[in-house]
Amino acid sequence: MAKTKASKPASKAPAAPPEEAKAEAKSNVMSIRGTAAWKAWLDRYAARRRVTATALIDQVLAEAAQRDGFEMPPPRF
């Protein structure tokens, strides 16, 4: 007589996130196209400031806004 595999219990569907979490969901805001040389330059500059390239862009935009007398951006996260 052949053995049969025991069936796995049905897994529960993941709980839906609370409404607050949905409102705060992050999405991709932009993408920048560039050459490999430009990307390497960006990575070197970010490393010099000890941040990621994304954090560098965020910092530089905030600095430029402040310098121009424009309102500061809201937090990214």
C-alpha atoms as a PDB file:
ATOM      1  CA  MET A   1       0.000   0.000   0.000  1.00  0.00           C
ATOM      2  CA  ALA A   2       1.417   3.396  -0.997  1.00  0.00           C
ATOM      3  CA  LYS A   3       1.989   6.029   1.610  1.00  0.00           C
ATOM      4  CA  THR A   4       0.212   9.326   1.181  1.00  0.00           C
ATOM      5  CA  LYS A   5       1.604  12.648   2.275  1.00  0.00           C
ATOM      6  CA  ALA A   6      -0.166  14.387   5.086  1.00  0.00           C
ATOM      7  CA  SER A   7      -1.782  17.519   3.811  1.00  0.00           C
ATOM      8  CA  LYS A   8      -0.427  20.799   5.133  1.00  0.00           C
ATOM      9  CA  PRO A   9      -2.768  22.916   7.184  1.00  0.00           C
ATOM     10  CA  ALA A  10      -4.117  25.848   5.232  1.00  0.00           C
ATOM     11  CA  SER A  11      -1.999  28.913   5.924  1.00  0.00           C
ATOM     12  CA  LYS A  12      -3.696  32.070   7.024  1.00  0.00           C
ATOM     13  CA  ALA A  13      -3.710  35.009   4.657  1.00  0.00           C
ATOM     14  CA  PRO A  14      -1.478  37.840   5.890  1.00  0.00           C
ATOM     15  CA  ALA A  15      -3.319  40.405   7.933  1.00  0.00           C
ATOM     16  CA  ALA A  16      -4.128  43.602   6.083  1.00  0.00           C
ATOM     17  CA  PRO A  17      -2.025  46.545   7.273  1.00  0.00           C
ATOM     18  CA  PRO A  18      -3.815  49.158   9.340  1.00  0.00           C
ATOM     19  CA  GLU A  19      -5.164  52.169   7.497  1.00  0.00           C
ATOM     20  CA  GLU A  20      -2.412  54.348   8.992  1.00  0.00           C
ATOM     21  CA  ALA A  21       0.275  52.173   7.422  1.00  0.00           C
ATOM     22  CA  LYS A  22      -1.435  52.325   4.032  1.00  0.00           C
ATOM     23  CA  ALA A  23      -1.463  56.119   4.154  1.00  0.00           C
ATOM     24  CA  GLU A  24       2.252  56.146   4.954  1.00  0.00           C
ATOM     25  CA  ALA A  25       3.269  53.626   2.290  1.00  0.00           C
ATOM     26  CA  LYS A  26       6.382  54.703   0.411  1.00  0.00           C
ATOM     27  CA  SER A  27       6.705  54.542  -3.326  1.00  0.00           C
ATOM     28  CA  ASN A  28       9.424  55.184  -5.849  1.00  0.00           C
ATOM     29  CA  VAL A  29       9.475  58.949  -6.378  1.00  0.00           C
ATOM     30  CA  MET A  30      11.930  59.257  -9.232  1.00  0.00           C
ATOM     31  CA  SER A  31      14.608  57.555 -11.257  1.00  0.00           C
ATOM     32  CA  ILE A  32      17.714  59.252 -12.658  1.00  0.00           C
ATOM     33  CA  ARG A  33      19.321  58.082 -15.865  1.00  0.00           C
ATOM     34  CA  GLY A  34      23.036  58.603 -16.268  1.00  0.00           C
ATOM     35  CA  THR A  35      26.276  57.166 -17.543  1.00  0.00           C
ATOM     36  CA  ALA A  36      28.383  54.680 -15.634  1.00  0.00           C
ATOM     37  CA  ALA A  37      30.982  57.415 -15.132  1.00  0.00           C
ATOM     38  CA  TRP A  38      28.372  59.735 -13.591  1.00  0.00           C
ATOM     39  CA  LYS A  39      27.146  56.955 -11.276  1.00  0.00           C
ATOM     40  CA  ALA A  40      30.727  56.251 -10.182  1.00  0.00           C
ATOM     41  CA  TRP A  41      31.221  59.971  -9.478  1.00  0.00           C
ATOM     42  CA  LEU A  42      27.981  60.091  -7.469  1.00  0.00           C
ATOM     43  CA  ASP A  43      28.988  57.043  -5.449  1.00  0.00           C
ATOM     44  CA  ARG A  44      32.441  58.535  -4.696  1.00  0.00           C
ATOM     45  CA  TYR A  45      30.936  61.844  -3.585  1.00  0.00           C
ATOM     46  CA  ALA A  46      28.358  60.071  -1.420  1.00  0.00           C
ATOM     47  CA  ALA A  47      31.115  57.951   0.145  1.00  0.00           C
ATOM     48  CA  ARG A  48      33.098  61.093   0.918  1.00  0.00           C
ATOM     49  CA  ARG A  49      30.062  62.442   2.813  1.00  0.00           C
ATOM     50  CA  ARG A  50      29.583  58.994   4.391  1.00  0.00           C
ATOM     51  CA  VAL A  51      26.032  58.510   3.111  1.00  0.00           C
ATOM     52  CA  THR A  52      24.285  56.574   0.354  1.00  0.00           C
ATOM     53  CA  ALA A  53      23.708  58.183  -3.022  1.00  0.00           C
ATOM     54  CA  THR A  54      19.996  58.481  -2.208  1.00  0.00           C
ATOM     55  CA  ALA A  55      20.702  60.163   1.140  1.00  0.00           C
ATOM     56  CA  LEU A  56      23.176  62.496  -0.560  1.00  0.00           C
ATOM     57  CA  ILE A  57      20.541  63.628  -3.068  1.00  0.00           C
ATOM     58  CA  ASP A  58      18.072  64.154  -0.207  1.00  0.00           C
ATOM     59  CA  GLN A  59      20.622  66.212   1.769  1.00  0.00           C
ATOM     60  CA  VAL A  60      21.706  68.325  -1.178  1.00  0.00           C
ATOM     61  CA  LEU A  61      18.107  69.121  -2.147  1.00  0.00           C
ATOM     62  CA  ALA A  62      17.352  70.199   1.439  1.00  0.00           C
ATOM     63  CA  GLU A  63      20.501  72.382   1.482  1.00  0.00           C
ATOM     64  CA  ALA A  64      19.575  73.984  -1.847  1.00  0.00           C
ATOM     65  CA  ALA A  65      16.010  74.657  -0.681  1.00  0.00           C
ATOM     66  CA  GLN A  66      17.292  76.303   2.499  1.00  0.00           C
ATOM     67  CA  ARG A  67      19.828  78.370   0.559  1.00  0.00           C
ATOM     68  CA  ASP A  68      17.083  79.542  -1.821  1.00  0.00           C
ATOM     69  CA  GLY A  69      14.773  80.496   1.037  1.00  0.00           C
ATOM     70  CA  PHE A  70      12.346  77.723   0.110  1.00  0.00           C
ATOM     71  CA  GLU A  71      10.518  75.609   2.673  1.00  0.00           C
ATOM     72  CA  MET A  72      12.351  72.564   3.965  1.00  0.00           C
ATOM     73  CA  PRO A  73      11.146  69.243   2.585  1.00  0.00           C
ATOM     74  CA  PRO A  74       9.157  66.864   4.766  1.00  0.00           C
ATOM     75  CA  PRO A  75      11.039  63.794   6.065  1.00  0.00           C
ATOM     76  CA  ARG A  76      11.504  61.107   3.441  1.00  0.00           C
ATOM     77  CA  PHE A  77      10.582  58.341   5.901  1.00  0.00           C
END
